[in-house]
C-alpha atoms as a PDB file:
ATOM      1  CA  MET A   1      -8.517  -1.922  -0.399  1.00  0.00           C
ATOM      2  CA  ILE A   2      -6.835   0.071  -3.115  1.00  0.00           C
ATOM      3  CA  SER A   3      -3.151   0.768  -3.728  1.00  0.00           C
ATOM      4  CA  PHE A   4      -2.150   3.721  -5.863  1.00  0.00           C
ATOM      5  CA  GLY A   5       0.734   6.021  -6.714  1.00  0.00           C
ATOM      6  CA  TYR A   6       0.410   9.726  -5.942  1.00  0.00           C
ATOM      7  CA  LEU A   7       2.624  10.563  -8.900  1.00  0.00           C
ATOM      8  CA  HIS A   8       0.203   8.753 -11.233  1.00  0.00           C
ATOM      9  CA  GLN A   9      -2.834  10.699  -9.953  1.00  0.00           C
ATOM     10  CA  PRO A  10      -2.509  14.108 -11.691  1.00  0.00           C
ATOM     11  CA  THR A  11      -6.238  14.825 -11.685  1.00  0.00           C
ATOM     12  CA  LYS A  12      -6.813  13.494  -8.147  1.00  0.00           C
ATOM     13  CA  PRO A  13      -3.671  14.463  -6.217  1.00  0.00           C
ATOM     14  CA  ASP A  14      -5.205  13.399  -2.886  1.00  0.00           C
ATOM     15  CA  GLY A  15      -5.869   9.853  -4.089  1.00  0.00           C
ATOM     16  CA  PRO A  16      -8.888   7.846  -5.217  1.00  0.00           C
ATOM     17  CA  GLU A  17     -12.318   8.031  -3.597  1.00  0.00           C
ATOM     18  CA  ALA A  18     -12.094   6.193  -0.260  1.00  0.00           C
ATOM     19  CA  ASP A  19     -13.324   6.269   3.321  1.00  0.00           C
ATOM     20  CA  ARG A  20      -9.710   6.427   4.479  1.00  0.00           C
ATOM     21  CA  ILE A  21      -6.554   7.306   2.567  1.00  0.00           C
ATOM     22  CA  GLU A  22      -3.110   6.583   3.982  1.00  0.00           C
ATOM     23  CA  ASP A  23       0.028   8.167   2.531  1.00  0.00           C
ATOM     24  CA  VAL A  24       2.876   5.780   3.321  1.00  0.00           C
ATOM     25  CA  ARG A  25       5.639   7.763   1.603  1.00  0.00           C
ATOM     26  CA  GLU A  26       6.919   9.291   4.826  1.00  0.00           C
ATOM     27  CA  ARG A  27       6.123   6.352   7.117  1.00  0.00           C
ATOM     28  CA  LEU A  28       8.050   3.631   5.298  1.00  0.00           C
ATOM     29  CA  ARG A  29      11.261   3.797   3.352  1.00  0.00           C
ATOM     30  CA  ASP A  30      10.978   2.694  -0.255  1.00  0.00           C
ATOM     31  CA  PRO A  31      11.837  -1.030  -0.472  1.00  0.00           C
ATOM     32  CA  ALA A  32      12.960  -0.436  -4.057  1.00  0.00           C
ATOM     33  CA  VAL A  33      16.211   0.968  -2.661  1.00  0.00           C
ATOM     34  CA  ALA A  34      17.124  -2.724  -2.591  1.00  0.00           C
ATOM     35  CA  LYS A  35      18.273  -2.863  -6.216  1.00  0.00           C
ATOM     36  CA  GLU A  36      17.494  -6.570  -6.584  1.00  0.00           C
ATOM     37  CA  ILE A  37      13.746  -5.924  -6.361  1.00  0.00           C
ATOM     38  CA  LEU A  38      13.458  -3.037  -8.809  1.00  0.00           C
ATOM     39  CA  ASP A  39      11.742  -5.258 -11.369  1.00  0.00           C
ATOM     40  CA  LEU A  40       9.368  -6.731  -8.767  1.00  0.00           C
ATOM     41  CA  ASP A  41       6.279  -5.169  -7.234  1.00  0.00           C
ATOM     42  CA  GLY A  42       4.384  -5.294  -3.948  1.00  0.00           C
ATOM     43  CA  LEU A  43       2.504  -8.420  -5.031  1.00  0.00           C
ATOM     44  CA  HIS A  44       5.767 -10.390  -4.856  1.00  0.00           C
ATOM     45  CA  PRO A  45       6.535 -12.171  -1.543  1.00  0.00           C
ATOM     46  CA  ARG A  46      10.138 -10.900  -1.577  1.00  0.00           C
ATOM     47  CA  VAL A  47       8.977  -7.278  -1.661  1.00  0.00           C
ATOM     48  CA  GLN A  48       6.385  -7.977   1.033  1.00  0.00           C
ATOM     49  CA  ASP A  49       9.094  -9.519   3.227  1.00  0.00           C
ATOM     50  CA  ILE A  50      11.247  -6.396   2.840  1.00  0.00           C
ATOM     51  CA  ILE A  51       8.247  -4.227   3.737  1.00  0.00           C
ATOM     52  CA  LEU A  52       7.475  -6.338   6.832  1.00  0.00           C
ATOM     53  CA  ASN A  53      11.088  -5.983   7.970  1.00  0.00           C
ATOM     54  CA  THR A  54      11.115  -2.212   7.540  1.00  0.00           C
ATOM     55  CA  PRO A  55      11.167  -0.407  10.891  1.00  0.00           C
ATOM     56  CA  GLY A  56       7.693   0.873  11.683  1.00  0.00           C
ATOM     57  CA  ALA A  57       5.840  -1.373   9.198  1.00  0.00           C
ATOM     58  CA  PRO A  58       3.877  -3.587  11.638  1.00  0.00           C
ATOM     59  CA  GLU A  59       2.107  -0.630  13.272  1.00  0.00           C
ATOM     60  CA  PRO A  60       0.298   0.668  10.163  1.00  0.00           C
ATOM     61  CA  ILE A  61      -0.682  -2.882   9.198  1.00  0.00           C
ATOM     62  CA  ASP A  62      -2.129  -3.536  12.672  1.00  0.00           C
ATOM     63  CA  ASN A  63      -3.880  -0.158  12.601  1.00  0.00           C
ATOM     64  CA  LEU A  64      -5.394  -0.771   9.153  1.00  0.00           C
ATOM     65  CA  VAL A  65      -6.592  -4.259  10.117  1.00  0.00           C
ATOM     66  CA  ALA A  66      -8.248  -2.856  13.252  1.00  0.00           C
ATOM     67  CA  TYR A  67      -9.890  -0.105  11.203  1.00  0.00           C
ATOM     68  CA  ALA A  68     -11.102  -2.572   8.564  1.00  0.00           C
ATOM     69  CA  LEU A  69     -12.731  -4.645  11.306  1.00  0.00           C
ATOM     70  CA  VAL A  70     -14.800  -1.797  12.785  1.00  0.00           C
ATOM     71  CA  PRO A  71     -18.411  -3.054  12.597  1.00  0.00           C
ATOM     72  CA  THR A  72     -19.737   0.050  10.861  1.00  0.00           C
ATOM     73  CA  GLY A  73     -16.510  -0.223   8.931  1.00  0.00           C
ATOM     74  CA  PRO A  74     -15.035   1.421   5.919  1.00  0.00           C
ATOM     75  CA  LYS A  75     -16.078   0.332   2.478  1.00  0.00           C
ATOM     76  CA  VAL A  76     -12.846   1.513   0.838  1.00  0.00           C
ATOM     77  CA  ILE A  77      -9.346   2.013   2.264  1.00  0.00           C
ATOM     78  CA  ALA A  78      -6.704   3.403  -0.091  1.00  0.00           C
ATOM     79  CA  LEU A  79      -2.949   3.315   0.452  1.00  0.00           C
ATOM     80  CA  GLY A  80      -0.646   5.471  -1.626  1.00  0.00           C
ATOM     81  CA  CYS A  81       3.080   5.784  -2.119  1.00  0.00           C
ATOM     82  CA  ALA A  82       5.051   7.601  -4.811  1.00  0.00           C
ATOM     83  CA  GLY A  83       4.410   5.215  -7.691  1.00  0.00           C
ATOM     84  CA  GLY A  84       2.059   2.620  -6.205  1.00  0.00           C
ATOM     85  CA  LYS A  85       4.369  -0.209  -7.184  1.00  0.00           C
ATOM     86  CA  HIS A  86       6.081  -1.332  -3.983  1.00  0.00           C
ATOM     87  CA  ARG A  87       5.028   0.057  -0.575  1.00  0.00           C
ATOM     88  CA  ALA A  88       1.315   0.693  -1.174  1.00  0.00           C
ATOM     89  CA  ALA A  89       0.732  -2.512  -3.143  1.00  0.00           C
ATOM     90  CA  GLY A  90       2.648  -4.618  -0.623  1.00  0.00           C
ATOM     91  CA  LEU A  91       0.859  -3.091   2.363  1.00  0.00           C
ATOM     92  CA  VAL A  92      -2.541  -3.653   0.750  1.00  0.00           C
ATOM     93  CA  GLU A  93      -1.702  -7.304   0.164  1.00  0.00           C
ATOM     94  CA  LEU A  94      -0.287  -7.802   3.669  1.00  0.00           C
ATOM     95  CA  THR A  95      -3.257  -6.073   5.313  1.00  0.00           C
ATOM     96  CA  ALA A  96      -5.935  -7.711   3.156  1.00  0.00           C
ATOM     97  CA  ARG A  97      -4.601 -11.150   4.054  1.00  0.00           C
ATOM     98  CA  ARG A  98      -5.198 -10.561   7.759  1.00  0.00           C
ATOM     99  CA  VAL A  99      -8.852  -9.491   7.561  1.00  0.00           C
ATOM    100  CA  PRO A 100     -10.845 -12.403   6.017  1.00  0.00           C
ATOM    101  CA  GLY A 101     -12.279 -14.906   8.472  1.00  0.00           C
ATOM    102  CA  ARG A 102     -12.803 -12.128  11.004  1.00  0.00           C
ATOM    103  CA  GLY A 103     -16.233 -10.995   9.845  1.00  0.00           C
ATOM    104  CA  ARG A 104     -15.234  -8.888   6.846  1.00  0.00           C
ATOM    105  CA  GLU A 105     -14.394  -9.580   3.230  1.00  0.00           C
ATOM    106  CA  VAL A 106     -11.608  -7.748   1.439  1.00  0.00           C
ATOM    107  CA  GLU A 107     -10.886  -7.189  -2.217  1.00  0.00           C
ATOM    108  CA  ALA A 108      -7.528  -5.774  -3.259  1.00  0.00           C
ATOM    109  CA  GLU A 109      -7.257  -3.462  -6.240  1.00  0.00           C
ATOM    110  CA  HIS A 110      -3.946  -2.069  -7.470  1.00  0.00           C
ATOM    111  CA  LEU A 111      -4.328   0.981  -9.679  1.00  0.00           C
ATOM    112  CA  HIS A 112      -0.700   1.556 -10.658  1.00  0.00           C
ATOM    113  CA  VAL A 113       1.292  -1.554  -9.746  1.00  0.00           C
ATOM    114  CA  HIS A 114       1.693  -2.393 -13.444  1.00  0.00           C
ATOM    115  CA  LEU A 115       3.265   0.973 -14.324  1.00  0.00           C
ATOM    116  CA  PRO A 116       7.026   1.637 -14.425  1.00  0.00           C
ATOM    117  CA  ARG A 117       8.727   2.758 -11.223  1.00  0.00           C
ATOM    118  CA  VAL A 118       8.638   6.530 -10.743  1.00  0.00           C
ATOM    119  CA  LEU A 119      12.077   8.059 -10.309  1.00  0.00           C
ATOM    120  CA  GLY A 120      13.376  11.412  -9.238  1.00  0.00           C
ATOM    121  CA  ARG A 121      11.370  12.332  -6.129  1.00  0.00           C
ATOM    122  CA  ALA A 122      12.940  12.499  -2.673  1.00  0.00           C
ATOM    123  CA  SER A 123       9.861  10.887  -1.080  1.00  0.00           C
ATOM    124  CA  SER A 124       9.739   8.003  -3.541  1.00  0.00           C
END
């Protein structure tokens, strides 16, 4: 599973190469609106907790886990948000944790989690 930020992908605006790409910008509100987590990222349990408590968050996680477990399964699932720092990274971590031990192995890669938060976009 890969997390990325659409605003950090100028040469590949649709995201990285993957069997499935999910754009979570419209589905989940940005947890970084909680000012106390601005310096954190989606790898941090506090950010993940905020994501889990966002209305509508459990459904995409359940859907992604089910998709990852399809026997002919995907090799790569990519999740993108504006900057790739909070929503996408947190969802990758939360989803990847639920798959092992169920017949599939998961590796999480975060392309842009280390970059500064992207500001100035309505969908961020």
